[in-house]
Amino acid sequence: MLKRSAALAAALCLALSTLVSAAGAASCFPRYTGASGSIAVALDALGADPSYASRAEIAAANGIGGYRGTAAQNTRLLELLRQGKLIDPAAVSPYFPAYTGASPSIAAALDALGIDSSYAGRAEIAAANGMGGYRGTAAQNTRLLELLKQGRLIRPDSAASVGGPAAANLGQVSFLRQDRDTCKATSAAMAVNLLLGVDRYATRDMIHSGVLCRSLEGDRFTASDGKVYRTIYKTDGYVGSQRELKAAVDAAVDSGLPIVAAVNSAVSRHHWIVIVGRDSQGNYLAVDPARNGSGTMASQVKSMSAMGYSFGLADYAQPHYGYISFQPV
């Protein structure tokens, strides 16, 4: 479907970044503004894996072949990172980059972004975006072009893993970055906003009398799809099981709904993230409030495995498997 190679993707990040809206700009790491002259230190400061293996993968994605960790190679990586133009190979967005050109033709707009613009290609994209029976009519093509300009045209290879509010609203709901100890409240605010399709809640709205998400259990929200959902909140102290948490995540993803999940990693034994779908390989896609960044939630989507997370809070003698999900009423 995509005609761009890794080298061309690098060129697009470098030379055509103005064509990519926040909703589709999930290809590059956040800009590094620190003073360190070490690429490993800079990546670590942004919450990215600074290991040699990871840097080799990043180098390859940015057109730097045969990475050996030389001073010249590391300097080039750091230059790109400082410019906000270093491609993140693990970054995943369910949307195509937004088209900002003037053409009224969906075929020309797709072609300008390096996307298969053939009739078959457009039919596949239309189906992924809920337009059955694509015939290339003016109305169908206009709708595709509208979504592309908004940065909300879903890639066919991710369409199976997103749908409902999760897919419809990722590109229009803002990413929220947590304070030191508010990962759960920040994730909950983003999840509810994603359900609603508007930036209605902030982290502070999910904190009551100093307790994160204290009154969230049983709250009802009318989502952007017109349905009413009731919140299920399994707290930090909920033991549960990995099987239960995974089943809840799968049920949410299959219904196109966000879910806040308790996770751990080598960096944090107690953390919460928002899971929003699966990629074409079946990996969970998530938004981590601990990441540096801004823009829409779509710009921060990465695979849970690439971020190094596993299910459960690991700072207990027995892992605890809490979550915050939304059930239709």
Protein backbone atom coordinates (compact mmCIF):
# COMPACT_ATOMS: atom_id res chain seq x y z
CA MET A 1 0.00 0.00 0.00
CA LEU A 2 2.66 2.53 0.98
CA LYS A 3 5.32 3.28 -1.62
CA ARG A 4 7.76 4.91 0.79
CA SER A 5 10.92 3.15 1.89
CA ALA A 6 12.67 3.90 5.15
CA ALA A 7 14.94 6.34 3.32
CA LEU A 8 11.99 8.11 1.75
CA ALA A 9 10.25 8.22 5.12
CA ALA A 10 13.34 9.93 6.49
CA ALA A 11 13.26 12.43 3.65
CA LEU A 12 9.61 13.15 4.34
CA CYS A 13 10.33 13.78 8.02
CA LEU A 14 13.21 16.05 7.08
CA ALA A 15 11.88 17.94 4.09
CA LEU A 16 8.11 17.59 4.11
CA SER A 17 7.27 17.79 7.79
CA THR A 18 4.90 20.67 7.05
CA LEU A 19 2.65 18.23 5.24
CA VAL A 20 2.15 16.15 8.36
CA SER A 21 -0.41 17.25 10.91
CA ALA A 22 -0.27 16.39 14.58
CA ALA A 23 -2.71 13.55 13.95
CA GLY A 24 -0.42 11.86 11.49
CA ALA A 25 2.99 12.90 12.75
CA ALA A 26 3.66 9.82 14.85
CA SER A 27 6.82 9.02 12.86
CA CYS A 28 9.34 11.16 14.73
CA PHE A 29 10.56 11.33 18.31
CA PRO A 30 9.78 14.51 20.29
CA ARG A 31 12.41 17.20 19.92
CA TYR A 32 15.31 16.94 22.40
CA THR A 33 16.13 20.29 24.01
CA GLY A 34 18.64 19.19 26.64
CA ALA A 35 22.34 19.97 26.78
CA SER A 36 23.82 16.47 26.58
CA GLY A 37 26.07 15.59 23.68
CA SER A 38 25.22 11.89 24.02
CA ILE A 39 22.49 10.35 21.87
CA ALA A 40 21.98 7.64 24.50
CA VAL A 41 21.43 10.22 27.25
CA ALA A 42 19.13 12.25 25.00
CA LEU A 43 16.98 9.23 24.11
CA ASP A 44 16.81 8.20 27.75
CA ALA A 45 15.68 11.71 28.71
CA LEU A 46 12.74 11.33 26.29
CA GLY A 47 11.79 7.95 27.72
CA ALA A 48 13.11 6.04 24.69
CA ASP A 49 15.25 2.91 24.80
CA PRO A 50 18.90 4.09 24.60
CA SER A 51 20.45 0.64 24.19
CA TYR A 52 22.84 -0.15 21.34
CA ALA A 53 20.28 -2.47 19.70
CA SER A 54 17.61 0.23 19.85
CA ARG A 55 19.98 2.87 18.43
CA ALA A 56 20.88 0.51 15.58
CA GLU A 57 17.18 0.10 14.76
CA ILE A 58 16.63 3.87 14.92
CA ALA A 59 19.67 4.48 12.73
CA ALA A 60 18.40 2.06 10.08
CA ALA A 61 14.98 3.74 10.08
CA ASN A 62 16.71 7.06 9.46
CA GLY A 63 18.78 5.89 6.51
CA ILE A 64 22.00 5.31 8.50
CA GLY A 65 23.09 1.85 7.40
CA GLY A 66 25.73 -0.30 9.09
CA TYR A 67 25.35 1.34 12.47
CA ARG A 68 28.41 0.72 14.67
CA GLY A 69 27.93 3.45 17.24
CA THR A 70 30.60 5.70 15.74
CA ALA A 71 30.90 9.32 16.81
CA ALA A 72 29.76 10.50 13.38
CA GLN A 73 26.69 8.24 13.39
CA ASN A 74 25.71 9.22 16.93
CA THR A 75 26.23 12.90 16.18
CA ARG A 76 23.92 12.63 13.18
CA LEU A 77 21.24 10.89 15.25
CA LEU A 78 21.49 13.59 17.91
CA GLU A 79 21.24 16.35 15.30
CA LEU A 80 18.02 14.86 13.96
CA LEU A 81 16.66 14.39 17.48
CA ARG A 82 17.35 18.03 18.34
CA GLN A 83 15.47 19.06 15.19
CA GLY A 84 12.49 16.83 16.02
CA LYS A 85 13.17 14.91 12.80
CA LEU A 86 14.45 11.59 14.13
CA ILE A 87 12.12 8.82 12.95
CA ASP A 88 10.86 6.54 15.71
CA PRO A 89 10.69 3.02 14.18
CA ALA A 90 8.32 1.85 16.92
CA ALA A 91 5.84 4.69 16.45
CA VAL A 92 2.50 3.62 15.06
CA SER A 93 -0.42 5.73 13.95
CA PRO A 94 -3.68 4.31 12.62
CA TYR A 95 -4.00 7.35 10.36
CA PHE A 96 -2.35 8.51 7.16
CA PRO A 97 -0.51 11.85 7.41
CA ALA A 98 -2.81 14.83 6.85
CA TYR A 99 -2.86 16.34 3.36
CA THR A 100 -2.38 20.12 3.34
CA GLY A 101 -2.22 20.67 -0.42
CA ALA A 102 -4.77 22.39 -2.65
CA SER A 103 -5.83 19.59 -4.98
CA PRO A 104 -9.53 18.63 -4.90
CA SER A 105 -8.64 15.12 -6.09
CA ILE A 106 -8.29 12.31 -3.54
CA ALA A 107 -6.07 10.42 -5.99
CA ALA A 108 -3.72 13.40 -6.36
CA ALA A 109 -3.70 13.98 -2.59
CA LEU A 110 -2.84 10.34 -1.87
CA ASP A 111 -0.17 10.37 -4.54
CA ALA A 112 1.38 13.50 -3.05
CA LEU A 113 1.79 11.63 0.24
CA GLY A 114 3.32 8.56 -1.41
CA ILE A 115 0.20 6.42 -0.92
CA ASP A 116 -1.25 4.03 -3.51
CA SER A 117 -3.81 6.17 -5.33
CA SER A 118 -5.12 3.50 -7.70
CA TYR A 119 -8.80 2.60 -7.74
CA ALA A 120 -8.05 -0.64 -5.89
CA GLY A 121 -6.01 1.25 -3.32
CA ARG A 122 -8.78 3.79 -2.79
CA ALA A 123 -11.38 1.03 -2.49
CA GLU A 124 -9.31 -0.63 0.24
CA ILE A 125 -8.94 2.66 2.10
CA ALA A 126 -12.66 3.40 1.74
CA ALA A 127 -13.57 0.01 3.22
CA ALA A 128 -11.21 0.60 6.16
CA ASN A 129 -13.03 3.88 6.81
CA GLY A 130 -16.53 2.37 6.85
CA MET A 131 -17.44 3.13 3.24
CA GLY A 132 -18.72 -0.10 1.79
CA GLY A 133 -19.36 -0.55 -1.92
CA TYR A 134 -16.79 1.99 -3.06
CA ARG A 135 -17.46 3.02 -6.68
CA GLY A 136 -15.34 6.16 -6.89
CA THR A 137 -18.31 8.53 -6.77
CA ALA A 138 -17.79 12.22 -6.20
CA ALA A 139 -19.42 11.98 -2.76
CA GLN A 140 -17.21 9.06 -1.71
CA ASN A 141 -14.03 10.71 -2.95
CA THR A 142 -14.94 14.01 -1.30
CA ARG A 143 -15.44 12.24 2.03
CA LEU A 144 -12.09 10.46 1.73
CA LEU A 145 -10.40 13.77 0.94
CA GLU A 146 -12.06 15.46 3.92
CA LEU A 147 -10.78 12.76 6.27
CA LEU A 148 -7.31 12.93 4.74
CA LYS A 149 -7.14 16.71 5.20
CA GLN A 150 -8.22 16.28 8.83
CA GLY A 151 -5.56 13.63 9.48
CA ARG A 152 -8.32 11.12 10.24
CA LEU A 153 -8.14 8.78 7.24
CA ILE A 154 -7.52 5.31 8.69
CA ARG A 155 -4.78 3.12 7.23
CA PRO A 156 -6.19 -0.22 6.02
CA ASP A 157 -3.46 -2.19 7.83
CA SER A 158 -4.63 -0.78 11.18
CA ALA A 159 -8.36 -0.68 10.54
CA ALA A 160 -8.92 -4.17 11.95
CA SER A 161 -7.57 -3.05 15.28
CA VAL A 162 -9.36 0.25 15.75
CA GLY A 163 -12.93 1.39 15.35
CA GLY A 164 -15.66 3.22 17.20
CA PRO A 165 -14.62 6.17 19.35
CA ALA A 166 -10.99 4.99 19.58
CA ALA A 167 -10.46 5.36 15.83
CA ALA A 168 -12.82 8.27 15.26
CA ASN A 169 -11.35 10.53 17.94
CA LEU A 170 -7.62 9.79 18.24
CA GLY A 171 -6.77 12.57 15.82
CA GLN A 172 -8.85 15.24 17.53
CA VAL A 173 -8.29 14.62 21.25
CA SER A 174 -5.21 16.12 22.88
CA PHE A 175 -2.39 14.13 24.44
CA LEU A 176 -2.02 14.88 28.15
CA ARG A 177 1.31 14.52 29.92
CA GLN A 178 1.25 13.35 33.51
CA ASP A 179 2.75 15.02 36.54
CA ARG A 180 5.07 12.93 38.70
CA ASP A 181 2.44 10.68 40.30
CA THR A 182 -0.70 11.17 38.18
CA CYS A 183 -0.32 8.52 35.47
CA LYS A 184 -3.66 6.90 36.28
CA ALA A 185 -5.64 10.14 36.51
CA THR A 186 -4.03 11.48 33.33
CA SER A 187 -4.72 8.23 31.47
CA ALA A 188 -8.33 8.27 32.69
CA ALA A 189 -8.80 11.85 31.48
CA MET A 190 -7.46 10.96 28.04
CA ALA A 191 -9.60 7.80 27.85
CA VAL A 192 -12.80 9.67 28.70
CA ASN A 193 -11.96 12.47 26.27
CA LEU A 194 -11.32 9.84 23.59
CA LEU A 195 -14.72 8.32 24.32
CA LEU A 196 -16.40 11.72 24.06
CA GLY A 197 -14.38 13.05 21.14
CA VAL A 198 -13.63 16.38 22.86
CA ASP A 199 -11.03 17.77 25.28
CA ARG A 200 -13.42 18.00 28.22
CA TYR A 201 -11.36 16.60 31.09
CA ALA A 202 -7.91 17.33 32.46
CA THR A 203 -5.87 15.37 35.00
CA ARG A 204 -7.18 17.47 37.88
CA ASP A 205 -10.76 16.51 37.03
CA MET A 206 -9.92 12.90 37.84
CA ILE A 207 -8.57 13.69 41.32
CA HIS A 208 -11.05 14.02 44.19
CA SER A 209 -9.94 14.91 47.73
CA GLY A 210 -6.41 13.96 46.75
CA VAL A 211 -7.40 10.48 45.54
CA LEU A 212 -6.87 9.56 41.87
CA CYS A 213 -10.07 8.47 40.10
CA ARG A 214 -11.86 8.14 43.44
CA SER A 215 -15.41 8.69 42.15
CA LEU A 216 -15.04 7.29 38.64
CA GLU A 217 -16.70 3.92 39.29
CA GLY A 218 -20.21 3.91 37.84
CA ASP A 219 -19.91 7.28 36.07
CA ARG A 220 -21.82 7.42 32.79
CA PHE A 221 -20.67 9.12 29.62
CA THR A 222 -22.43 9.68 26.30
CA ALA A 223 -19.82 8.88 23.67
CA SER A 224 -19.34 10.43 20.26
CA ASP A 225 -21.15 7.43 18.75
CA GLY A 226 -24.29 8.41 20.68
CA LYS A 227 -24.12 5.42 23.03
CA VAL A 228 -24.03 5.66 26.82
CA TYR A 229 -21.20 3.89 28.62
CA ARG A 230 -20.77 3.07 32.32
CA THR A 231 -17.30 3.17 33.86
CA ILE A 232 -15.86 0.07 35.51
CA TYR A 233 -12.94 0.89 37.79
CA LYS A 234 -10.71 -1.82 39.23
CA THR A 235 -8.39 0.11 41.56
CA ASP A 236 -4.69 -0.22 42.34
CA GLY A 237 -5.62 -2.51 45.22
CA TYR A 238 -7.58 -4.87 42.97
CA VAL A 239 -5.66 -8.13 42.63
CA GLY A 240 -7.60 -9.70 39.77
CA SER A 241 -5.59 -11.73 37.28
CA GLN A 242 -3.64 -11.25 34.09
CA ARG A 243 -6.26 -13.30 32.26
CA GLU A 244 -9.04 -10.99 33.45
CA LEU A 245 -7.14 -7.84 32.50
CA LYS A 246 -6.23 -9.17 29.07
CA ALA A 247 -9.85 -10.23 28.48
CA ALA A 248 -11.02 -6.73 29.43
CA VAL A 249 -8.45 -5.16 27.08
CA ASP A 250 -9.43 -7.46 24.22
CA ALA A 251 -13.13 -6.74 24.75
CA ALA A 252 -12.48 -2.98 24.71
CA VAL A 253 -10.25 -3.10 21.63
CA ASP A 254 -12.69 -5.33 19.76
CA SER A 255 -15.45 -2.80 20.49
CA GLY A 256 -13.33 0.18 19.46
CA LEU A 257 -13.18 1.55 23.00
CA PRO A 258 -10.24 2.87 25.02
CA ILE A 259 -9.22 1.15 28.25
CA VAL A 260 -6.82 2.26 30.97
CA ALA A 261 -4.58 -0.61 32.07
CA ALA A 262 -2.16 -1.21 34.94
CA VAL A 263 1.31 -2.04 33.61
CA ASN A 264 4.93 -2.35 34.64
CA SER A 265 8.31 -2.09 32.94
CA ALA A 266 12.00 -2.15 33.74
CA VAL A 267 11.70 1.58 34.42
CA SER A 268 8.46 1.63 36.43
CA ARG A 269 6.94 -1.17 38.50
CA HIS A 270 3.66 0.75 38.89
CA HIS A 271 2.18 2.63 35.94
CA TRP A 272 -1.04 3.17 33.96
CA ILE A 273 -1.47 3.71 30.20
CA VAL A 274 -4.35 4.03 27.71
CA ILE A 275 -4.73 1.14 25.26
CA VAL A 276 -6.47 2.22 22.04
CA GLY A 277 -6.22 -0.69 19.57
CA ARG A 278 -3.99 -3.29 17.93
CA ASP A 279 -1.59 -3.07 15.02
CA SER A 280 -1.66 -5.42 12.02
CA GLN A 281 0.56 -7.90 13.91
CA GLY A 282 -1.83 -8.03 16.85
CA ASN A 283 0.30 -5.90 19.20
CA TYR A 284 -1.59 -3.60 21.54
CA LEU A 285 -1.35 0.09 20.67
CA ALA A 286 -1.23 2.52 23.57
CA VAL A 287 -0.67 6.10 24.64
CA ASP A 288 1.69 6.57 27.58
CA PRO A 289 1.14 9.73 29.68
CA ALA A 290 4.77 9.52 30.84
CA ARG A 291 6.14 10.31 27.37
CA ASN A 292 7.33 13.76 26.41
CA GLY A 293 5.25 15.22 23.63
CA SER A 294 2.25 17.26 22.62
CA GLY A 295 -0.38 17.33 19.90
CA THR A 296 -3.14 14.79 19.54
CA MET A 297 -3.32 11.32 21.05
CA ALA A 298 -2.76 9.94 17.55
CA SER A 299 0.69 11.52 17.51
CA GLN A 300 1.68 9.53 20.61
CA VAL A 301 0.41 6.04 19.72
CA LYS A 302 3.02 3.28 20.03
CA SER A 303 2.92 -0.45 20.53
CA MET A 304 2.81 -1.50 24.17
CA SER A 305 5.60 -4.02 23.58
CA ALA A 306 7.84 -1.40 21.97
CA MET A 307 7.44 0.74 25.08
CA GLY A 308 8.53 -2.22 27.21
CA TYR A 309 5.33 -2.63 29.20
CA SER A 310 3.76 -5.81 30.60
CA PHE A 311 0.36 -6.11 32.29
CA GLY A 312 0.07 -5.67 36.04
CA LEU A 313 1.44 -3.58 38.87
CA ALA A 314 4.64 -5.25 40.02
CA ASP A 315 5.29 -3.34 43.25
CA TYR A 316 3.19 -5.77 45.29
CA ALA A 317 4.16 -9.20 46.64
CA GLN A 318 1.55 -10.48 44.17
CA PRO A 319 0.96 -8.52 40.92
CA HIS A 320 -2.25 -6.48 40.82
CA TYR A 321 -4.21 -6.21 37.57
CA GLY A 322 -6.38 -3.11 37.73
CA TYR A 323 -8.08 -1.34 34.83
CA ILE A 324 -10.64 1.31 33.90
CA SER A 325 -13.05 0.23 31.16
CA PHE A 326 -16.29 1.43 29.63
CA GLN A 327 -19.34 -0.83 29.28
CA PRO A 328 -22.42 0.02 27.17
CA VAL A 329 -25.51 0.65 29.26
